[in-house]
Amino acid sequence: MSEDSPLDTGLRRPRLQEQYRRLAEARRLRPVTAIVARYTEIEGGTLGAMVSVQLFTTVIPLMIMGFSYMRGFADNASPGTLIIRELGLVHPASDHVRSAFGDSAALRSSWTFVGVAGFLVWGIPMGIMIAGLFAKAWRRDQFPLTGRLWRGVLWFALYLVMIGVRDRIAFGGDHHAGMRVVRFLLSLIPVWVFWSVTPALLVRDGGRGRQYLMLAGLAGVVIDGVVLPLGSRWLFPPVLAGWEELGPIGVAMALLTWCGAVGTGWVVTACVGAVLWERNAPSKTVVESQTEDDADGRARP
């Protein structure tokens, strides 16, 4: 590797000083103000809408098909039970959702390599989109397309594993109220691990300051593990009731609204995690990790 020329060093020094100054100013902001500014900077509303569509067309079908497979495509098992359980629905909303989804036996013909792969393939652009989202939130240059591709696919696979493990822990059997609370708290562990690993996987130089990534992962625990599940149980039933007269279309619209909340939550998770990491990691680590363009337009790692 060639050494930097005195001219390059002289040009880089003012830029480094400017980055240190910007970091110091950002740390003086209130956390909420910094998070809102980062969300606005990356156009979080637009990204949240794009993620919600990917969730609706990819994750929801895979969750339904996986549930049906685990129940043996039984005639007396409705995929709607998954939504009912996830959102804590009760009668009459639960009956409405169950009737809209029908029974699991109808999905048996879709459980083929081609049928499942058709939905898994859509997970590829979703993973690439999430990689770009985190790169923007963490103020890093994106990986080349091939890097985003395999990292996005791996992230999507880890996400499917995470939700499977989380649901198995949280809903694995009937228990009294106290044990359900314990199982819910234990189910947050895979959520914490997943969102702590996400920046290291999707962000360039995301593995720096590893001890602070666990702190950034707490954003995923609070938002994706607590706020979204509990908030959905509070907001989703009245939304569903408002569209009940539309039948299955009303259920689909309510689910799309829920996906919108989850997509926005993921964008906020990326912003909160980035801000927490920047405020707690050493300044030298933060500045060196955040890439910038050289004067000739090339990305500097």
Protein backbone atom coordinates (compact mmCIF):
# COMPACT_ATOMS: atom_id res chain seq x y z
CA MET A 1 0.00 0.00 0.00
CA SER A 2 1.45 3.36 -0.97
CA GLU A 3 1.89 6.00 1.67
CA ASP A 4 -0.21 9.14 1.56
CA SER A 5 1.51 12.13 0.01
CA PRO A 6 1.93 15.30 2.06
CA LEU A 7 -0.76 16.90 -0.11
CA ASP A 8 -3.26 14.10 0.64
CA THR A 9 -2.43 14.33 4.34
CA GLY A 10 -2.90 18.08 4.28
CA LEU A 11 -6.28 17.75 2.57
CA ARG A 12 -7.48 14.99 4.88
CA ARG A 13 -6.64 16.78 8.12
CA PRO A 14 -9.26 19.55 7.74
CA ARG A 15 -11.90 16.98 6.84
CA LEU A 16 -11.07 14.92 9.93
CA GLN A 17 -11.24 18.04 12.08
CA GLU A 18 -14.63 18.84 10.57
CA GLN A 19 -15.87 15.30 11.35
CA TYR A 20 -14.72 15.58 14.95
CA ARG A 21 -16.47 18.94 15.22
CA ARG A 22 -19.72 17.55 13.78
CA LEU A 23 -19.55 14.57 16.13
CA ALA A 24 -19.08 16.83 19.14
CA GLU A 25 -22.04 18.97 18.08
CA ALA A 26 -24.20 15.87 17.56
CA ARG A 27 -23.36 14.58 21.02
CA ARG A 28 -24.48 17.86 22.54
CA LEU A 29 -27.97 17.40 21.10
CA ARG A 30 -30.68 15.72 23.11
CA PRO A 31 -30.98 12.04 22.14
CA VAL A 32 -34.53 12.47 20.83
CA THR A 33 -33.50 15.49 18.75
CA ALA A 34 -30.55 13.58 17.29
CA ILE A 35 -32.73 10.59 16.42
CA VAL A 36 -35.38 12.74 14.73
CA ALA A 37 -32.67 14.57 12.77
CA ARG A 38 -31.17 11.28 11.59
CA TYR A 39 -34.61 9.94 10.62
CA THR A 40 -35.27 13.09 8.59
CA GLU A 41 -31.81 13.03 7.05
CA ILE A 42 -32.30 9.55 5.55
CA GLU A 43 -35.95 10.21 4.55
CA GLY A 44 -37.19 7.62 7.01
CA GLY A 45 -40.84 7.95 6.01
CA THR A 46 -40.12 6.85 2.44
CA LEU A 47 -37.85 4.02 3.56
CA GLY A 48 -40.46 2.82 6.07
CA ALA A 49 -43.11 2.65 3.36
CA MET A 50 -40.81 0.66 1.07
CA VAL A 51 -39.93 -1.80 3.84
CA SER A 52 -43.60 -2.26 4.74
CA VAL A 53 -44.43 -3.41 1.19
CA GLN A 54 -41.58 -5.92 1.30
CA LEU A 55 -42.84 -7.21 4.65
CA PHE A 56 -46.38 -7.60 3.35
CA THR A 57 -45.37 -9.44 0.18
CA THR A 58 -42.54 -11.59 1.62
CA VAL A 59 -42.50 -12.10 5.38
CA ILE A 60 -46.25 -12.45 5.99
CA PRO A 61 -46.68 -15.22 3.35
CA LEU A 62 -43.64 -17.10 4.68
CA MET A 63 -44.93 -16.87 8.25
CA ILE A 64 -48.34 -18.19 7.16
CA MET A 65 -46.86 -21.05 5.15
CA GLY A 66 -44.45 -21.96 7.94
CA PHE A 67 -47.28 -22.03 10.47
CA SER A 68 -49.38 -24.24 8.19
CA TYR A 69 -46.46 -26.64 7.72
CA MET A 70 -45.87 -26.90 11.47
CA ARG A 71 -49.55 -27.74 11.92
CA GLY A 72 -49.40 -30.40 9.25
CA PHE A 73 -51.74 -28.49 6.91
CA ALA A 74 -54.62 -29.61 9.13
CA ASP A 75 -58.22 -28.88 8.14
CA ASN A 76 -58.97 -27.56 11.63
CA ALA A 77 -55.98 -25.18 11.81
CA SER A 78 -56.27 -21.66 10.43
CA PRO A 79 -53.18 -19.59 9.50
CA GLY A 80 -55.10 -16.69 10.98
CA THR A 81 -54.21 -18.14 14.40
CA LEU A 82 -50.69 -16.83 13.86
CA ILE A 83 -51.96 -13.26 13.42
CA ILE A 84 -54.44 -13.67 16.28
CA ARG A 85 -51.68 -14.85 18.62
CA GLU A 86 -49.16 -12.23 17.48
CA LEU A 87 -51.60 -9.34 17.92
CA GLY A 88 -53.51 -10.69 20.91
CA LEU A 89 -56.91 -10.57 19.19
CA VAL A 90 -60.06 -11.75 20.94
CA HIS A 91 -63.64 -12.39 19.88
CA PRO A 92 -65.11 -11.09 17.58
CA ALA A 93 -61.95 -9.82 15.81
CA SER A 94 -60.29 -13.23 16.14
CA ASP A 95 -63.21 -14.95 14.42
CA HIS A 96 -63.09 -12.41 11.60
CA VAL A 97 -59.38 -13.00 10.98
CA ARG A 98 -59.71 -16.77 11.25
CA SER A 99 -62.49 -16.87 8.66
CA ALA A 100 -60.54 -14.60 6.30
CA PHE A 101 -57.57 -16.98 6.21
CA GLY A 102 -59.52 -20.23 5.94
CA ASP A 103 -57.74 -23.46 6.92
CA SER A 104 -54.15 -24.63 6.52
CA ALA A 105 -55.08 -27.51 4.21
CA ALA A 106 -55.61 -25.07 1.35
CA LEU A 107 -51.89 -24.19 1.42
CA ARG A 108 -50.63 -27.74 1.04
CA SER A 109 -50.31 -27.38 -2.74
CA SER A 110 -48.11 -24.28 -2.27
CA TRP A 111 -45.63 -26.11 -0.02
CA THR A 112 -43.26 -27.03 -2.83
CA PHE A 113 -39.74 -25.99 -3.69
CA VAL A 114 -41.02 -23.62 -6.35
CA GLY A 115 -43.81 -22.28 -4.14
CA VAL A 116 -41.60 -21.49 -1.15
CA ALA A 117 -38.68 -20.31 -3.28
CA GLY A 118 -41.00 -17.83 -4.99
CA PHE A 119 -41.41 -15.98 -1.69
CA LEU A 120 -37.81 -16.50 -0.55
CA VAL A 121 -36.53 -14.86 -3.74
CA TRP A 122 -38.41 -11.70 -2.77
CA GLY A 123 -36.37 -11.70 0.43
CA ILE A 124 -33.28 -10.84 -1.63
CA PRO A 125 -34.35 -7.29 -2.60
CA MET A 126 -35.69 -6.85 0.91
CA GLY A 127 -32.31 -7.73 2.42
CA ILE A 128 -30.53 -5.40 -0.02
CA MET A 129 -32.95 -2.61 0.92
CA ILE A 130 -32.32 -3.12 4.64
CA ALA A 131 -28.55 -3.06 4.01
CA GLY A 132 -28.92 0.30 2.26
CA LEU A 133 -31.14 1.58 5.04
CA PHE A 134 -28.57 0.81 7.74
CA ALA A 135 -25.74 2.25 5.63
CA LYS A 136 -27.62 5.55 5.43
CA ALA A 137 -28.58 5.59 9.12
CA TRP A 138 -25.00 4.80 10.20
CA ARG A 139 -23.53 7.28 7.66
CA ARG A 140 -21.41 4.71 5.85
CA ASP A 141 -20.73 3.98 2.20
CA GLN A 142 -22.72 1.02 0.94
CA PHE A 143 -21.07 -2.26 0.01
CA PRO A 144 -20.83 -3.16 -3.69
CA LEU A 145 -23.87 -4.95 -5.10
CA THR A 146 -22.41 -8.41 -4.53
CA GLY A 147 -21.62 -7.55 -0.92
CA ARG A 148 -25.10 -6.18 -0.33
CA LEU A 149 -26.56 -9.28 -1.99
CA TRP A 150 -24.98 -11.97 0.18
CA ARG A 151 -25.16 -9.88 3.32
CA GLY A 152 -28.82 -9.08 2.67
CA VAL A 153 -29.66 -12.72 2.03
CA LEU A 154 -27.86 -13.80 5.20
CA TRP A 155 -29.61 -11.06 7.19
CA PHE A 156 -33.00 -12.17 5.88
CA ALA A 157 -32.27 -15.79 6.78
CA LEU A 158 -31.19 -14.75 10.29
CA TYR A 159 -34.37 -12.70 10.64
CA LEU A 160 -36.56 -15.70 9.79
CA VAL A 161 -34.63 -17.80 12.32
CA MET A 162 -34.97 -15.07 14.94
CA ILE A 163 -38.74 -14.74 14.64
CA GLY A 164 -39.10 -18.52 14.73
CA VAL A 165 -37.03 -18.84 17.91
CA ARG A 166 -38.72 -15.82 19.49
CA ASP A 167 -42.22 -17.15 18.84
CA ARG A 168 -41.29 -20.65 20.03
CA ILE A 169 -40.03 -19.19 23.32
CA ALA A 170 -42.89 -16.71 23.78
CA PHE A 171 -45.79 -18.95 22.73
CA GLY A 172 -44.46 -22.45 23.39
CA GLY A 173 -47.40 -23.91 25.29
CA ASP A 174 -50.09 -22.74 27.68
CA HIS A 175 -48.86 -21.27 30.93
CA HIS A 176 -50.15 -19.10 33.74
CA ALA A 177 -49.79 -15.34 33.59
CA GLY A 178 -46.52 -15.21 35.52
CA MET A 179 -44.81 -17.76 33.29
CA ARG A 180 -46.06 -15.97 30.16
CA VAL A 181 -44.32 -12.81 31.35
CA VAL A 182 -41.11 -14.77 31.97
CA ARG A 183 -41.29 -16.40 28.53
CA PHE A 184 -41.91 -13.00 26.93
CA LEU A 185 -38.81 -11.57 28.60
CA LEU A 186 -36.74 -14.60 27.56
CA SER A 187 -37.97 -14.18 23.98
CA LEU A 188 -36.27 -10.78 23.89
CA ILE A 189 -32.82 -12.43 24.02
CA PRO A 190 -32.79 -13.57 20.36
CA VAL A 191 -34.17 -10.14 19.40
CA TRP A 192 -31.30 -8.45 21.22
CA VAL A 193 -28.69 -10.72 19.61
CA PHE A 194 -30.17 -10.25 16.13
CA TRP A 195 -30.28 -6.45 16.21
CA SER A 196 -26.80 -6.31 17.79
CA VAL A 197 -25.37 -8.41 14.95
CA THR A 198 -27.25 -6.49 12.22
CA PRO A 199 -24.91 -3.42 12.06
CA ALA A 200 -21.82 -5.65 12.01
CA LEU A 201 -23.31 -7.57 9.08
CA LEU A 202 -24.87 -4.79 7.02
CA VAL A 203 -22.71 -1.74 7.74
CA ARG A 204 -19.21 -1.11 6.38
CA ASP A 205 -16.78 -1.28 9.32
CA GLY A 206 -19.82 -2.09 11.45
CA GLY A 207 -17.83 -4.44 13.66
CA ARG A 208 -15.79 -1.64 15.23
CA GLY A 209 -16.60 -0.91 18.84
CA ARG A 210 -18.24 -4.33 19.32
CA GLN A 211 -19.05 -3.74 22.96
CA TYR A 212 -21.17 -0.75 21.94
CA LEU A 213 -23.06 -2.76 19.32
CA MET A 214 -24.81 -4.59 22.14
CA LEU A 215 -26.00 -1.19 23.35
CA ALA A 216 -27.23 -0.38 19.85
CA GLY A 217 -29.02 -3.75 19.85
CA LEU A 218 -31.10 -2.56 22.78
CA ALA A 219 -32.87 -0.26 20.32
CA GLY A 220 -34.15 -3.36 18.54
CA VAL A 221 -35.23 -4.90 21.84
CA VAL A 222 -37.23 -1.85 22.87
CA ILE A 223 -38.76 -1.09 19.47
CA ASP A 224 -39.07 -4.45 17.70
CA GLY A 225 -39.34 -6.57 20.83
CA VAL A 226 -41.55 -4.48 23.11
CA VAL A 227 -43.09 -1.34 21.59
CA LEU A 228 -44.27 -2.87 18.31
CA PRO A 229 -45.80 -6.06 19.78
CA LEU A 230 -47.53 -4.28 22.67
CA GLY A 231 -48.53 -1.29 20.53
CA SER A 232 -50.00 -3.59 17.88
CA ARG A 233 -52.17 -5.28 20.48
CA TRP A 234 -53.52 -1.88 21.42
CA LEU A 235 -53.94 -0.27 17.98
CA PHE A 236 -54.62 -3.15 15.60
CA PRO A 237 -58.06 -4.30 16.92
CA PRO A 238 -59.80 -0.94 16.33
CA VAL A 239 -58.15 -0.67 12.89
CA LEU A 240 -59.42 -4.13 12.02
CA ALA A 241 -62.88 -3.33 13.35
CA GLY A 242 -63.06 -0.24 11.14
CA TRP A 243 -62.58 -2.35 8.01
CA GLU A 244 -64.55 -5.38 9.13
CA GLU A 245 -67.33 -4.80 6.60
CA LEU A 246 -64.79 -5.21 3.77
CA GLY A 247 -64.24 -8.87 4.65
CA PRO A 248 -60.87 -10.42 3.71
CA ILE A 249 -59.84 -7.19 1.95
CA GLY A 250 -60.31 -5.35 5.22
CA VAL A 251 -58.05 -7.86 6.98
CA ALA A 252 -55.43 -7.40 4.26
CA MET A 253 -55.60 -3.61 4.61
CA ALA A 254 -55.24 -3.88 8.37
CA LEU A 255 -52.22 -6.18 7.95
CA LEU A 256 -50.66 -3.73 5.50
CA THR A 257 -51.14 -0.98 8.09
CA TRP A 258 -49.42 -3.20 10.66
CA CYS A 259 -46.55 -3.83 8.22
CA GLY A 260 -46.26 -0.05 7.81
CA ALA A 261 -45.79 0.32 11.56
CA VAL A 262 -43.19 -2.47 11.61
CA GLY A 263 -41.32 -0.99 8.61
CA THR A 264 -41.20 2.42 10.26
CA GLY A 265 -40.08 0.77 13.48
CA TRP A 266 -37.14 -0.83 11.69
CA VAL A 267 -36.06 2.53 10.27
CA VAL A 268 -36.28 4.08 13.72
CA THR A 269 -34.32 1.11 15.11
CA ALA A 270 -31.50 1.79 12.64
CA CYS A 271 -31.47 5.50 13.56
CA VAL A 272 -31.59 4.92 17.32
CA GLY A 273 -28.88 2.26 17.18
CA ALA A 274 -26.62 4.51 15.10
CA VAL A 275 -27.09 7.49 17.41
CA LEU A 276 -26.49 5.39 20.55
CA TRP A 277 -23.34 3.91 19.05
CA GLU A 278 -21.99 7.30 17.98
CA ARG A 279 -22.67 8.84 21.40
CA ASN A 280 -20.96 6.06 23.37
CA ALA A 281 -18.15 4.68 21.20
CA PRO A 282 -14.77 6.47 21.33
CA SER A 283 -14.65 9.50 19.06
CA LYS A 284 -11.66 8.12 17.15
CA THR A 285 -13.55 4.89 16.41
CA VAL A 286 -16.62 6.78 15.20
CA VAL A 287 -14.71 9.15 12.91
CA GLU A 288 -12.52 6.42 11.44
CA SER A 289 -15.53 4.19 10.79
CA GLN A 290 -17.62 6.77 8.98
CA THR A 291 -16.29 6.89 5.45
CA GLU A 292 -16.02 9.97 3.29
CA ASP A 293 -15.14 10.76 -0.30
CA ASP A 294 -11.67 11.76 -1.34
CA ALA A 295 -11.21 14.86 -3.43
CA ASP A 296 -11.16 12.74 -6.61
CA GLY A 297 -14.53 11.20 -5.76
CA ARG A 298 -13.32 7.76 -4.67
CA ALA A 299 -14.70 6.23 -1.51
CA ARG A 300 -12.16 5.95 1.28
CA PRO A 301 -12.68 2.88 3.56
